[in-house]
Amino acid sequence: MILVLKSGLSKEKTEELCSFLEKKYGIQTNPIYGSETTIVGLVGDTSVVETEAVMMLEEVERVMKVQEPYKRANRKFHPDDTIVTVGNAKIGGEKIVVCAGPCSVESEDQVLGIAESVAESGALLFRGGAFKPRTSPYAFQGLKAEGLMYLKRARAKTGLPVVSEITNASQLELFIEFVDIVQVGARNMQNFELLKELGRIRKPVLLKRGFANSIDELLMSAEYIMSGGNNQIILCERGIRTFETATRNTLDISAVPVLKAKTHLPVVVDPSHAGGAAWLVEPLSKAAIAVGADGLIIEVHNDPKHALSDGQQSLTPEDFASLMKRLAPVAESIGRSI
């Protein structure tokens, strides 16, 4: 349920109203102050709220009911776009933010070299996997804590905020210390106990859509994090599993505008995991920008042929620099920049 308050109502009066509603109905309130209108989202068992009585309150202009189960992530709840700011990156703003780096952290030299290169080419975030959840137990599982230390050194050298994937709540303290944006991978999108823990921290969370999960299920996973108080969520479309075998996954390009309509949270696209091949990264990136994505996550490796994971979908630093130049006109055509 959403209350649209009367124009000109002071913050003090709004807080008094919220306190009254919480005590009377045992619900949570979330006031959102806009440039012209203030709205109050009611979260919890709103069936106990007496709609007619609330409409009679002098502070209330009108009452709107939200049918969707996700409340905090709902655009009705928060009409203005959320912008997640990390370093120089404003994800959800006018500029399309590119996050680039290797699938797996393999060595300190590798990480520092790639970080410097992608920074020079215009990337605003640096990604690297330290803990690698792999389909095969025999595949490279990452350097773990050592890898996070290398990422921290790359941040110190380049100034790029670091994005890395958490696989278990036991790793949380390490991620709080070493990582700027905590990534939840597709395999953990519905790991609800992990999501609850991430709701208690105050770091942005990059939430990837699961292989076979619907858009509403993705938003409900975001709701788990937001219900704990962490509203800094970035949603990521990275391809879903379909009957098609020509690509690693099927990039659901329509998910971007659908998500932008349903939620105020920023939406980014991972063309590397979607296509699974380096040559597909450029066309999928262009398509993502054209339909309104707020950012891209692109895998870059200094020696893709000998990468310990996902080399086939990784660009070289030189190819990444060239791609960034070719993406700029696409962004400009829709009134944005990259």
C-alpha atoms as a PDB file:
ATOM      1  CA  MET A   1       0.000   0.000   0.000  1.00  0.00           C
ATOM      2  CA  ILE A   2       1.235   3.492  -0.887  1.00  0.00           C
ATOM      3  CA  LEU A   3       0.114   6.806   0.560  1.00  0.00           C
ATOM      4  CA  VAL A   4       0.544   9.901  -1.577  1.00  0.00           C
ATOM      5  CA  LEU A   5       0.814  12.830   0.805  1.00  0.00           C
ATOM      6  CA  LYS A   6      -0.465  16.343   0.258  1.00  0.00           C
ATOM      7  CA  SER A   7       1.866  18.811  -1.401  1.00  0.00           C
ATOM      8  CA  GLY A   8       3.963  20.952   0.927  1.00  0.00           C
ATOM      9  CA  LEU A   9       3.778  18.597   3.917  1.00  0.00           C
ATOM     10  CA  SER A  10       6.859  19.060   6.111  1.00  0.00           C
ATOM     11  CA  LYS A  11       9.317  16.273   6.890  1.00  0.00           C
ATOM     12  CA  GLU A  12       8.404  16.573  10.566  1.00  0.00           C
ATOM     13  CA  LYS A  13       4.700  16.042   9.819  1.00  0.00           C
ATOM     14  CA  THR A  14       5.552  13.103   7.569  1.00  0.00           C
ATOM     15  CA  GLU A  15       7.588  11.447  10.322  1.00  0.00           C
ATOM     16  CA  GLU A  16       4.751  11.978  12.794  1.00  0.00           C
ATOM     17  CA  LEU A  17       2.344  10.308  10.366  1.00  0.00           C
ATOM     18  CA  CYS A  18       4.714   7.351   9.890  1.00  0.00           C
ATOM     19  CA  SER A  19       5.093   6.915  13.639  1.00  0.00           C
ATOM     20  CA  PHE A  20       1.318   6.968  14.084  1.00  0.00           C
ATOM     21  CA  LEU A  21       0.746   4.340  11.376  1.00  0.00           C
ATOM     22  CA  GLU A  22       3.457   2.028  12.688  1.00  0.00           C
ATOM     23  CA  LYS A  23       2.079   2.097  16.232  1.00  0.00           C
ATOM     24  CA  LYS A  24      -1.557   1.736  15.171  1.00  0.00           C
ATOM     25  CA  TYR A  25      -1.169  -1.068  12.603  1.00  0.00           C
ATOM     26  CA  GLY A  26       2.153  -2.748  13.473  1.00  0.00           C
ATOM     27  CA  ILE A  27       3.579  -2.207   9.984  1.00  0.00           C
ATOM     28  CA  GLN A  28       6.752  -0.675   8.605  1.00  0.00           C
ATOM     29  CA  THR A  29       6.740   2.676   6.780  1.00  0.00           C
ATOM     30  CA  ASN A  30       9.175   3.926   4.199  1.00  0.00           C
ATOM     31  CA  PRO A  31       8.828   7.637   3.361  1.00  0.00           C
ATOM     32  CA  ILE A  32      10.278   8.744   0.015  1.00  0.00           C
ATOM     33  CA  TYR A  33      10.754  12.472  -0.431  1.00  0.00           C
ATOM     34  CA  GLY A  34      10.442  13.609  -4.040  1.00  0.00           C
ATOM     35  CA  SER A  35      11.003  17.059  -5.506  1.00  0.00           C
ATOM     36  CA  GLU A  36       7.258  17.743  -5.554  1.00  0.00           C
ATOM     37  CA  THR A  37       5.505  14.812  -3.875  1.00  0.00           C
ATOM     38  CA  THR A  38       6.206  12.699  -0.816  1.00  0.00           C
ATOM     39  CA  ILE A  39       4.950   9.131  -0.750  1.00  0.00           C
ATOM     40  CA  VAL A  40       4.937   6.648   2.113  1.00  0.00           C
ATOM     41  CA  GLY A  41       5.199   2.947   1.391  1.00  0.00           C
ATOM     42  CA  LEU A  42       3.536   0.614   3.879  1.00  0.00           C
ATOM     43  CA  VAL A  43       5.233  -2.769   4.210  1.00  0.00           C
ATOM     44  CA  GLY A  44       4.071  -5.783   6.179  1.00  0.00           C
ATOM     45  CA  ASP A  45       0.581  -7.152   6.758  1.00  0.00           C
ATOM     46  CA  THR A  46      -1.311  -4.221   5.252  1.00  0.00           C
ATOM     47  CA  SER A  47      -4.578  -6.174   5.375  1.00  0.00           C
ATOM     48  CA  VAL A  48      -5.035  -4.725   8.867  1.00  0.00           C
ATOM     49  CA  VAL A  49      -4.849  -1.156   7.562  1.00  0.00           C
ATOM     50  CA  GLU A  50      -8.248   0.527   7.419  1.00  0.00           C
ATOM     51  CA  THR A  51      -8.123   2.121   3.979  1.00  0.00           C
ATOM     52  CA  GLU A  52     -11.064   4.458   4.485  1.00  0.00           C
ATOM     53  CA  ALA A  53      -9.735   5.645   7.854  1.00  0.00           C
ATOM     54  CA  VAL A  54      -6.302   6.359   6.353  1.00  0.00           C
ATOM     55  CA  MET A  55      -7.854   8.283   3.471  1.00  0.00           C
ATOM     56  CA  MET A  56      -9.530  10.536   6.040  1.00  0.00           C
ATOM     57  CA  LEU A  57      -6.201  11.622   7.538  1.00  0.00           C
ATOM     58  CA  GLU A  58      -5.489  15.275   6.748  1.00  0.00           C
ATOM     59  CA  GLU A  59      -1.944  14.535   5.538  1.00  0.00           C
ATOM     60  CA  VAL A  60      -3.046  11.980   2.923  1.00  0.00           C
ATOM     61  CA  GLU A  61      -3.926  12.932  -0.660  1.00  0.00           C
ATOM     62  CA  ARG A  62      -4.750   9.409  -1.881  1.00  0.00           C
ATOM     63  CA  VAL A  63      -4.130   5.720  -1.208  1.00  0.00           C
ATOM     64  CA  MET A  64      -2.799   3.256  -3.789  1.00  0.00           C
ATOM     65  CA  LYS A  65      -2.688  -0.513  -3.396  1.00  0.00           C
ATOM     66  CA  VAL A  66       0.294  -2.460  -4.698  1.00  0.00           C
ATOM     67  CA  GLN A  67      -0.711  -5.887  -5.981  1.00  0.00           C
ATOM     68  CA  GLU A  68       2.802  -7.202  -6.698  1.00  0.00           C
ATOM     69  CA  PRO A  69       4.522  -9.104  -3.852  1.00  0.00           C
ATOM     70  CA  TYR A  70       7.706  -7.035  -4.206  1.00  0.00           C
ATOM     71  CA  LYS A  71       7.137  -3.702  -2.497  1.00  0.00           C
ATOM     72  CA  ARG A  72      10.418  -1.886  -1.921  1.00  0.00           C
ATOM     73  CA  ALA A  73      11.730  -2.802  -5.385  1.00  0.00           C
ATOM     74  CA  ASN A  74       8.490  -1.662  -7.034  1.00  0.00           C
ATOM     75  CA  ARG A  75       8.522   1.511  -9.147  1.00  0.00           C
ATOM     76  CA  LYS A  76       5.101   2.374  -7.714  1.00  0.00           C
ATOM     77  CA  PHE A  77       6.758   2.450  -4.311  1.00  0.00           C
ATOM     78  CA  HIS A  78       9.667   4.595  -5.533  1.00  0.00           C
ATOM     79  CA  PRO A  79       8.768   6.482  -8.763  1.00  0.00           C
ATOM     80  CA  ASP A  80      12.214   8.076  -9.238  1.00  0.00           C
ATOM     81  CA  ASP A  81      15.132   6.014 -10.554  1.00  0.00           C
ATOM     82  CA  THR A  82      17.594   4.808  -7.929  1.00  0.00           C
ATOM     83  CA  ILE A  83      21.197   5.719  -8.702  1.00  0.00           C
ATOM     84  CA  VAL A  84      23.878   3.609  -7.030  1.00  0.00           C
ATOM     85  CA  THR A  85      27.065   5.637  -6.615  1.00  0.00           C
ATOM     86  CA  VAL A  86      30.405   3.870  -6.201  1.00  0.00           C
ATOM     87  CA  GLY A  87      33.568   5.919  -6.734  1.00  0.00           C
ATOM     88  CA  ASN A  88      33.153   7.820 -10.009  1.00  0.00           C
ATOM     89  CA  ALA A  89      30.448   5.444 -11.233  1.00  0.00           C
ATOM     90  CA  LYS A  90      26.783   6.430 -10.967  1.00  0.00           C
ATOM     91  CA  ILE A  91      24.891   3.309 -12.002  1.00  0.00           C
ATOM     92  CA  GLY A  92      21.436   4.330 -13.180  1.00  0.00           C
ATOM     93  CA  GLY A  93      22.445   7.828 -14.237  1.00  0.00           C
ATOM     94  CA  GLU A  94      22.931   9.353 -17.682  1.00  0.00           C
ATOM     95  CA  LYS A  95      26.294   7.680 -18.241  1.00  0.00           C
ATOM     96  CA  ILE A  96      26.344   3.981 -19.100  1.00  0.00           C
ATOM     97  CA  VAL A  97      28.794   2.383 -16.677  1.00  0.00           C
ATOM     98  CA  VAL A  98      31.097  -0.347 -17.952  1.00  0.00           C
ATOM     99  CA  CYS A  99      32.545  -2.918 -15.553  1.00  0.00           C
ATOM    100  CA  ALA A 100      35.418  -4.919 -17.023  1.00  0.00           C
ATOM    101  CA  GLY A 101      37.985  -7.468 -15.925  1.00  0.00           C
ATOM    102  CA  PRO A 102      38.866 -11.164 -15.922  1.00  0.00           C
ATOM    103  CA  CYS A 103      36.464 -13.950 -15.054  1.00  0.00           C
ATOM    104  CA  SER A 104      38.997 -15.269 -12.550  1.00  0.00           C
ATOM    105  CA  VAL A 105      41.821 -13.627 -10.666  1.00  0.00           C
ATOM    106  CA  GLU A 106      44.876 -15.686 -11.593  1.00  0.00           C
ATOM    107  CA  SER A 107      47.869 -13.639 -10.411  1.00  0.00           C
ATOM    108  CA  GLU A 108      48.747 -10.201  -9.103  1.00  0.00           C
ATOM    109  CA  ASP A 109      50.502  -9.182 -12.333  1.00  0.00           C
ATOM    110  CA  GLN A 110      47.531 -10.300 -14.399  1.00  0.00           C
ATOM    111  CA  VAL A 111      45.053  -8.310 -12.306  1.00  0.00           C
ATOM    112  CA  LEU A 112      47.111  -5.123 -12.143  1.00  0.00           C
ATOM    113  CA  GLY A 113      47.845  -5.186 -15.874  1.00  0.00           C
ATOM    114  CA  ILE A 114      44.220  -5.689 -16.924  1.00  0.00           C
ATOM    115  CA  ALA A 115      42.968  -3.111 -14.406  1.00  0.00           C
ATOM    116  CA  GLU A 116      45.293  -0.434 -15.778  1.00  0.00           C
ATOM    117  CA  SER A 117      44.297  -1.239 -19.343  1.00  0.00           C
ATOM    118  CA  VAL A 118      40.521  -1.175 -18.865  1.00  0.00           C
ATOM    119  CA  ALA A 119      40.785   2.016 -16.792  1.00  0.00           C
ATOM    120  CA  GLU A 120      42.583   3.733 -19.655  1.00  0.00           C
ATOM    121  CA  SER A 121      39.833   2.570 -22.048  1.00  0.00           C
ATOM    122  CA  GLY A 122      37.027   4.088 -19.974  1.00  0.00           C
ATOM    123  CA  ALA A 123      35.818   1.350 -17.622  1.00  0.00           C
ATOM    124  CA  LEU A 124      34.577   2.759 -14.309  1.00  0.00           C
ATOM    125  CA  LEU A 125      34.434  -0.534 -12.392  1.00  0.00           C
ATOM    126  CA  PHE A 126      36.822  -3.503 -12.236  1.00  0.00           C
ATOM    127  CA  ARG A 127      35.512  -7.050 -11.914  1.00  0.00           C
ATOM    128  CA  GLY A 128      37.356 -10.204 -10.971  1.00  0.00           C
ATOM    129  CA  GLY A 129      36.365 -13.554  -9.524  1.00  0.00           C
ATOM    130  CA  ALA A 130      38.206 -14.705  -6.402  1.00  0.00           C
ATOM    131  CA  PHE A 131      35.719 -17.385  -5.315  1.00  0.00           C
ATOM    132  CA  LYS A 132      34.549 -19.279  -8.394  1.00  0.00           C
ATOM    133  CA  PRO A 133      31.447 -21.504  -8.219  1.00  0.00           C
ATOM    134  CA  ARG A 134      31.982 -23.866 -11.147  1.00  0.00           C
ATOM    135  CA  THR A 135      29.780 -26.548 -12.663  1.00  0.00           C
ATOM    136  CA  SER A 136      32.622 -29.062 -12.397  1.00  0.00           C
ATOM    137  CA  PRO A 137      34.301 -29.691  -9.003  1.00  0.00           C
ATOM    138  CA  TYR A 138      37.561 -30.227 -10.904  1.00  0.00           C
ATOM    139  CA  ALA A 139      37.572 -26.791 -12.549  1.00  0.00           C
ATOM    140  CA  PHE A 140      39.592 -23.859 -11.183  1.00  0.00           C
ATOM    141  CA  GLN A 141      37.835 -22.615  -8.035  1.00  0.00           C
ATOM    142  CA  GLY A 142      39.637 -19.286  -7.656  1.00  0.00           C
ATOM    143  CA  LEU A 143      42.390 -17.885  -5.422  1.00  0.00           C
ATOM    144  CA  LYS A 144      39.862 -16.968  -2.726  1.00  0.00           C
ATOM    145  CA  ALA A 145      41.181 -14.499  -0.069  1.00  0.00           C
ATOM    146  CA  GLU A 146      44.472 -14.097  -1.924  1.00  0.00           C
ATOM    147  CA  GLY A 147      42.525 -13.056  -5.018  1.00  0.00           C
ATOM    148  CA  LEU A 148      40.607 -10.421  -3.055  1.00  0.00           C
ATOM    149  CA  MET A 149      43.920  -8.937  -1.892  1.00  0.00           C
ATOM    150  CA  TYR A 150      45.052  -8.610  -5.514  1.00  0.00           C
ATOM    151  CA  LEU A 151      41.779  -6.873  -6.375  1.00  0.00           C
ATOM    152  CA  LYS A 152      42.309  -4.429  -3.521  1.00  0.00           C
ATOM    153  CA  ARG A 153      45.782  -3.617  -4.865  1.00  0.00           C
ATOM    154  CA  ALA A 154      44.311  -3.052  -8.327  1.00  0.00           C
ATOM    155  CA  ARG A 155      41.827  -0.587  -6.812  1.00  0.00           C
ATOM    156  CA  ALA A 156      44.650   1.237  -5.042  1.00  0.00           C
ATOM    157  CA  LYS A 157      46.652   1.476  -8.264  1.00  0.00           C
ATOM    158  CA  THR A 158      43.862   2.516 -10.645  1.00  0.00           C
ATOM    159  CA  GLY A 159      41.136   4.014  -8.446  1.00  0.00           C
ATOM    160  CA  LEU A 160      38.560   1.637  -9.941  1.00  0.00           C
ATOM    161  CA  PRO A 161      36.024   0.247  -7.440  1.00  0.00           C
ATOM    162  CA  VAL A 162      36.073  -3.547  -7.310  1.00  0.00           C
ATOM    163  CA  VAL A 163      33.239  -5.993  -8.059  1.00  0.00           C
ATOM    164  CA  SER A 164      33.550  -9.648  -7.038  1.00  0.00           C
ATOM    165  CA  GLU A 165      31.222 -12.586  -6.445  1.00  0.00           C
ATOM    166  CA  ILE A 166      30.391 -13.913  -3.002  1.00  0.00           C
ATOM    167  CA  THR A 167      29.441 -17.585  -2.774  1.00  0.00           C
ATOM    168  CA  ASN A 168      28.833 -18.064   0.945  1.00  0.00           C
ATOM    169  CA  ALA A 169      27.786 -15.911   3.886  1.00  0.00           C
ATOM    170  CA  SER A 170      30.938 -17.010   5.734  1.00  0.00           C
ATOM    171  CA  GLN A 171      32.940 -14.852   3.285  1.00  0.00           C
ATOM    172  CA  LEU A 172      31.064 -11.679   4.211  1.00  0.00           C
ATOM    173  CA  GLU A 173      33.722 -10.097   6.432  1.00  0.00           C
ATOM    174  CA  LEU A 174      36.330 -10.486   3.674  1.00  0.00           C
ATOM    175  CA  PHE A 175      34.029  -8.865   1.151  1.00  0.00           C
ATOM    176  CA  ILE A 176      33.215  -5.973   3.469  1.00  0.00           C
ATOM    177  CA  GLU A 177      36.954  -5.283   3.743  1.00  0.00           C
ATOM    178  CA  PHE A 178      38.133  -5.836   0.173  1.00  0.00           C
ATOM    179  CA  VAL A 179      35.191  -5.365  -2.233  1.00  0.00           C
ATOM    180  CA  ASP A 180      33.159  -2.284  -3.227  1.00  0.00           C
ATOM    181  CA  ILE A 181      30.223  -4.050  -4.933  1.00  0.00           C
ATOM    182  CA  VAL A 182      29.254  -7.552  -3.806  1.00  0.00           C
ATOM    183  CA  GLN A 183      28.077  -9.716  -6.693  1.00  0.00           C
ATOM    184  CA  VAL A 184      25.501 -12.460  -6.218  1.00  0.00           C
ATOM    185  CA  GLY A 185      25.865 -14.947  -9.050  1.00  0.00           C
ATOM    186  CA  ALA A 186      23.099 -16.685 -10.970  1.00  0.00           C
ATOM    187  CA  ARG A 187      23.499 -19.862  -8.901  1.00  0.00           C
ATOM    188  CA  ASN A 188      22.875 -17.951  -5.664  1.00  0.00           C
ATOM    189  CA  MET A 189      20.024 -15.697  -6.774  1.00  0.00           C
ATOM    190  CA  GLN A 190      17.615 -17.649  -4.564  1.00  0.00           C
ATOM    191  CA  ASN A 191      20.034 -18.370  -1.740  1.00  0.00           C
ATOM    192  CA  PHE A 192      17.715 -16.519   0.622  1.00  0.00           C
ATOM    193  CA  GLU A 193      19.869 -16.891   3.723  1.00  0.00           C
ATOM    194  CA  LEU A 194      22.753 -15.220   1.881  1.00  0.00           C
ATOM    195  CA  LEU A 195      20.438 -12.478   0.597  1.00  0.00           C
ATOM    196  CA  LYS A 196      19.250 -11.777   4.146  1.00  0.00           C
ATOM    197  CA  GLU A 197      22.854 -11.320   5.266  1.00  0.00           C
ATOM    198  CA  LEU A 198      23.530  -8.947   2.384  1.00  0.00           C
ATOM    199  CA  GLY A 199      20.507  -6.925   3.486  1.00  0.00           C
ATOM    200  CA  ARG A 200      22.341  -6.105   6.712  1.00  0.00           C
ATOM    201  CA  ILE A 201      25.449  -4.611   5.107  1.00  0.00           C
ATOM    202  CA  ARG A 202      25.759  -1.163   3.560  1.00  0.00           C
ATOM    203  CA  LYS A 203      27.558  -2.045   0.362  1.00  0.00           C
ATOM    204  CA  PRO A 204      25.946  -2.162  -3.094  1.00  0.00           C
ATOM    205  CA  VAL A 205      24.888  -5.605  -4.301  1.00  0.00           C
ATOM    206  CA  LEU A 206      24.976  -6.676  -7.955  1.00  0.00           C
ATOM    207  CA  LEU A 207      22.229  -9.294  -8.228  1.00  0.00           C
ATOM    208  CA  LYS A 208      22.365 -11.575 -11.265  1.00  0.00           C
ATOM    209  CA  ARG A 209      19.278 -13.272 -12.643  1.00  0.00           C
ATOM    210  CA  GLY A 210      19.261 -17.063 -12.309  1.00  0.00           C
ATOM    211  CA  PHE A 211      19.489 -19.413 -15.287  1.00  0.00           C
ATOM    212  CA  ALA A 212      15.799 -20.293 -15.193  1.00  0.00           C
ATOM    213  CA  ASN A 213      14.224 -17.584 -13.068  1.00  0.00           C
ATOM    214  CA  SER A 214      11.461 -15.201 -14.023  1.00  0.00           C
ATOM    215  CA  ILE A 215      11.718 -11.426 -13.801  1.00  0.00           C
ATOM    216  CA  ASP A 216       9.352 -11.369 -10.820  1.00  0.00           C
ATOM    217  CA  GLU A 217      11.522 -13.957  -9.040  1.00  0.00           C
ATOM    218  CA  LEU A 218      14.553 -11.720  -9.608  1.00  0.00           C
ATOM    219  CA  LEU A 219      12.659  -8.797  -8.090  1.00  0.00           C
ATOM    220  CA  MET A 220      11.603 -10.907  -5.107  1.00  0.00           C
ATOM    221  CA  SER A 221      15.266 -11.767  -4.506  1.00  0.00           C
ATOM    222  CA  ALA A 222      16.052  -8.042  -4.569  1.00  0.00           C
ATOM    223  CA  GLU A 223      13.207  -7.604  -2.070  1.00  0.00           C
ATOM    224  CA  TYR A 224      14.930 -10.004   0.340  1.00  0.00           C
ATOM    225  CA  ILE A 225      18.009  -7.760   0.376  1.00  0.00           C
ATOM    226  CA  MET A 226      16.021  -4.535   0.566  1.00  0.00           C
ATOM    227  CA  SER A 227      13.835  -5.825   3.412  1.00  0.00           C
ATOM    228  CA  GLY A 228      16.996  -5.899   5.541  1.00  0.00           C
ATOM    229  CA  GLY A 229      17.614  -2.214   4.890  1.00  0.00           C
ATOM    230  CA  ASN A 230      20.075  -2.344   1.996  1.00  0.00           C
ATOM    231  CA  ASN A 231      18.531  -0.455  -0.936  1.00  0.00           C
ATOM    232  CA  GLN A 232      21.688  -0.309  -3.065  1.00  0.00           C
ATOM    233  CA  ILE A 233      20.793  -3.046  -5.521  1.00  0.00           C
ATOM    234  CA  ILE A 234      21.906  -3.365  -9.150  1.00  0.00           C
ATOM    235  CA  LEU A 235      20.014  -5.943 -11.222  1.00  0.00           C
ATOM    236  CA  CYS A 236      21.823  -7.909 -13.918  1.00  0.00           C
ATOM    237  CA  GLU A 237      20.422  -9.751 -16.931  1.00  0.00           C
ATOM    238  CA  ARG A 238      23.030 -12.357 -17.950  1.00  0.00           C
ATOM    239  CA  GLY A 239      21.071 -14.713 -20.156  1.00  0.00           C
ATOM    240  CA  ILE A 240      18.710 -17.552 -19.332  1.00  0.00           C
ATOM    241  CA  ARG A 241      18.675 -21.245 -20.201  1.00  0.00           C
ATOM    242  CA  THR A 242      16.453 -22.128 -23.168  1.00  0.00           C
ATOM    243  CA  PHE A 243      16.325 -24.914 -25.760  1.00  0.00           C
ATOM    244  CA  GLU A 244      18.771 -22.954 -27.970  1.00  0.00           C
ATOM    245  CA  THR A 245      22.350 -24.264 -28.043  1.00  0.00           C
ATOM    246  CA  ALA A 246      23.930 -21.806 -30.489  1.00  0.00           C
ATOM    247  CA  THR A 247      24.905 -19.534 -27.583  1.00  0.00           C
ATOM    248  CA  ARG A 248      25.937 -20.252 -24.009  1.00  0.00           C
ATOM    249  CA  ASN A 249      22.703 -18.684 -22.748  1.00  0.00           C
ATOM    250  CA  THR A 250      19.857 -16.756 -24.365  1.00  0.00           C
ATOM    251  CA  LEU A 251      20.117 -13.043 -23.610  1.00  0.00           C
ATOM    252  CA  ASP A 252      16.621 -11.900 -22.641  1.00  0.00           C
ATOM    253  CA  ILE A 253      16.990  -8.425 -24.108  1.00  0.00           C
ATOM    254  CA  SER A 254      13.324  -7.662 -23.406  1.00  0.00           C
ATOM    255  CA  ALA A 255      14.028  -8.081 -19.686  1.00  0.00           C
ATOM    256  CA  VAL A 256      15.760  -4.689 -19.633  1.00  0.00           C
ATOM    257  CA  PRO A 257      12.766  -2.492 -20.585  1.00  0.00           C
ATOM    258  CA  VAL A 258      10.415  -4.733 -18.589  1.00  0.00           C
ATOM    259  CA  LEU A 259      12.555  -4.338 -15.480  1.00  0.00           C
ATOM    260  CA  LYS A 260      12.877  -0.584 -16.047  1.00  0.00           C
ATOM    261  CA  ALA A 261       9.078  -0.382 -16.089  1.00  0.00           C
ATOM    262  CA  LYS A 262       8.585  -2.557 -13.013  1.00  0.00           C
ATOM    263  CA  THR A 263      11.368  -1.289 -10.758  1.00  0.00           C
ATOM    264  CA  HIS A 264      13.338   1.845  -9.902  1.00  0.00           C
ATOM    265  CA  LEU A 265      16.563  -0.163  -9.496  1.00  0.00           C
ATOM    266  CA  PRO A 266      19.327   0.172 -12.117  1.00  0.00           C
ATOM    267  CA  VAL A 267      19.672  -2.647 -14.659  1.00  0.00           C
ATOM    268  CA  VAL A 268      22.906  -3.847 -16.264  1.00  0.00           C
ATOM    269  CA  VAL A 269      23.639  -6.556 -18.833  1.00  0.00           C
ATOM    270  CA  ASP A 270      26.407  -9.172 -18.958  1.00  0.00           C
ATOM    271  CA  PRO A 271      26.928  -9.898 -22.683  1.00  0.00           C
ATOM    272  CA  SER A 272      29.953 -12.120 -22.011  1.00  0.00           C
ATOM    273  CA  HIS A 273      28.068 -14.805 -20.071  1.00  0.00           C
ATOM    274  CA  ALA A 274      24.996 -14.459 -22.260  1.00  0.00           C
ATOM    275  CA  GLY A 275      26.707 -15.166 -25.565  1.00  0.00           C
ATOM    276  CA  GLY A 276      29.615 -17.250 -24.316  1.00  0.00           C
ATOM    277  CA  ALA A 277      31.797 -16.147 -27.233  1.00  0.00           C
ATOM    278  CA  ALA A 278      34.005 -13.084 -27.633  1.00  0.00           C
ATOM    279  CA  TRP A 279      32.594 -12.202 -31.061  1.00  0.00           C
ATOM    280  CA  LEU A 280      29.071 -11.896 -29.612  1.00  0.00           C
ATOM    281  CA  VAL A 281      30.035  -9.326 -26.965  1.00  0.00           C
ATOM    282  CA  GLU A 282      29.858  -6.331 -29.304  1.00  0.00           C
ATOM    283  CA  PRO A 283      26.409  -6.922 -30.881  1.00  0.00           C
ATOM    284  CA  LEU A 284      24.877  -7.893 -27.531  1.00  0.00           C
ATOM    285  CA  SER A 285      26.409  -4.827 -25.868  1.00  0.00           C
ATOM    286  CA  LYS A 286      24.973  -2.552 -28.551  1.00  0.00           C
ATOM    287  CA  ALA A 287      21.557  -4.145 -28.176  1.00  0.00           C
ATOM    288  CA  ALA A 288      21.675  -3.733 -24.391  1.00  0.00           C
ATOM    289  CA  ILE A 289      22.502  -0.043 -24.672  1.00  0.00           C
ATOM    290  CA  ALA A 290      19.769   0.493 -27.253  1.00  0.00           C
ATOM    291  CA  VAL A 291      17.032  -0.940 -25.001  1.00  0.00           C
ATOM    292  CA  GLY A 292      18.058   1.109 -21.973  1.00  0.00           C
ATOM    293  CA  ALA A 293      20.629  -0.827 -19.925  1.00  0.00           C
ATOM    294  CA  ASP A 294      22.425   1.299 -17.333  1.00  0.00           C
ATOM    295  CA  GLY A 295      25.660  -0.620 -17.621  1.00  0.00           C
ATOM    296  CA  LEU A 296      27.621  -3.541 -19.059  1.00  0.00           C
ATOM    297  CA  ILE A 297      29.788  -6.234 -17.482  1.00  0.00           C
ATOM    298  CA  ILE A 298      32.469  -7.350 -19.933  1.00  0.00           C
ATOM    299  CA  GLU A 299      35.120  -9.991 -19.390  1.00  0.00           C
ATOM    300  CA  VAL A 300      38.648  -8.957 -20.373  1.00  0.00           C
ATOM    301  CA  HIS A 301      41.733 -11.173 -20.178  1.00  0.00           C
ATOM    302  CA  ASN A 302      45.324 -10.499 -21.193  1.00  0.00           C
ATOM    303  CA  ASP A 303      45.674 -14.009 -22.672  1.00  0.00           C
ATOM    304  CA  PRO A 304      42.231 -15.497 -23.349  1.00  0.00           C
ATOM    305  CA  LYS A 305      43.579 -18.707 -24.924  1.00  0.00           C
ATOM    306  CA  HIS A 306      45.251 -19.633 -21.646  1.00  0.00           C
ATOM    307  CA  ALA A 307      42.643 -18.257 -19.233  1.00  0.00           C
ATOM    308  CA  LEU A 308      41.795 -20.553 -16.328  1.00  0.00           C
ATOM    309  CA  SER A 309      38.076 -19.898 -16.869  1.00  0.00           C
ATOM    310  CA  ASP A 310      35.839 -18.547 -19.652  1.00  0.00           C
ATOM    311  CA  GLY A 311      38.628 -17.575 -22.020  1.00  0.00           C
ATOM    312  CA  GLN A 312      36.390 -18.166 -25.034  1.00  0.00           C
ATOM    313  CA  GLN A 313      34.157 -15.245 -24.087  1.00  0.00           C
ATOM    314  CA  SER A 314      36.885 -12.856 -22.954  1.00  0.00           C
ATOM    315  CA  LEU A 315      38.140  -9.878 -24.946  1.00  0.00           C
ATOM    316  CA  THR A 316      41.775  -8.857 -25.036  1.00  0.00           C
ATOM    317  CA  PRO A 317      42.556  -5.410 -23.586  1.00  0.00           C
ATOM    318  CA  GLU A 318      43.110  -4.144 -27.137  1.00  0.00           C
ATOM    319  CA  ASP A 319      39.740  -5.467 -28.316  1.00  0.00           C
ATOM    320  CA  PHE A 320      38.061  -3.929 -25.277  1.00  0.00           C
ATOM    321  CA  ALA A 321      39.561  -0.507 -26.034  1.00  0.00           C
ATOM    322  CA  SER A 322      38.309  -0.737 -29.607  1.00  0.00           C
ATOM    323  CA  LEU A 323      34.848  -1.862 -28.463  1.00  0.00           C
ATOM    324  CA  MET A 324      34.464   1.110 -26.121  1.00  0.00           C
ATOM    325  CA  LYS A 325      34.972   3.477 -29.048  1.00  0.00           C
ATOM    326  CA  ARG A 326      32.348   1.684 -31.143  1.00  0.00           C
ATOM    327  CA  LEU A 327      29.794   1.684 -28.318  1.00  0.00           C
ATOM    328  CA  ALA A 328      29.983   5.464 -27.856  1.00  0.00           C
ATOM    329  CA  PRO A 329      27.848   6.361 -30.932  1.00  0.00           C
ATOM    330  CA  VAL A 330      25.159   3.880 -29.848  1.00  0.00           C
ATOM    331  CA  ALA A 331      24.933   5.528 -26.435  1.00  0.00           C
ATOM    332  CA  GLU A 332      24.861   8.997 -28.012  1.00  0.00           C
ATOM    333  CA  SER A 333      21.985   7.988 -30.295  1.00  0.00           C
ATOM    334  CA  ILE A 334      19.727   7.552 -27.259  1.00  0.00           C
ATOM    335  CA  GLY A 335      20.962  10.619 -25.418  1.00  0.00           C
ATOM    336  CA  ARG A 336      23.467   8.905 -23.137  1.00  0.00           C
ATOM    337  CA  SER A 337      27.230   8.522 -22.946  1.00  0.00           C
ATOM    338  CA  ILE A 338      29.693   5.759 -22.190  1.00  0.00           C
END
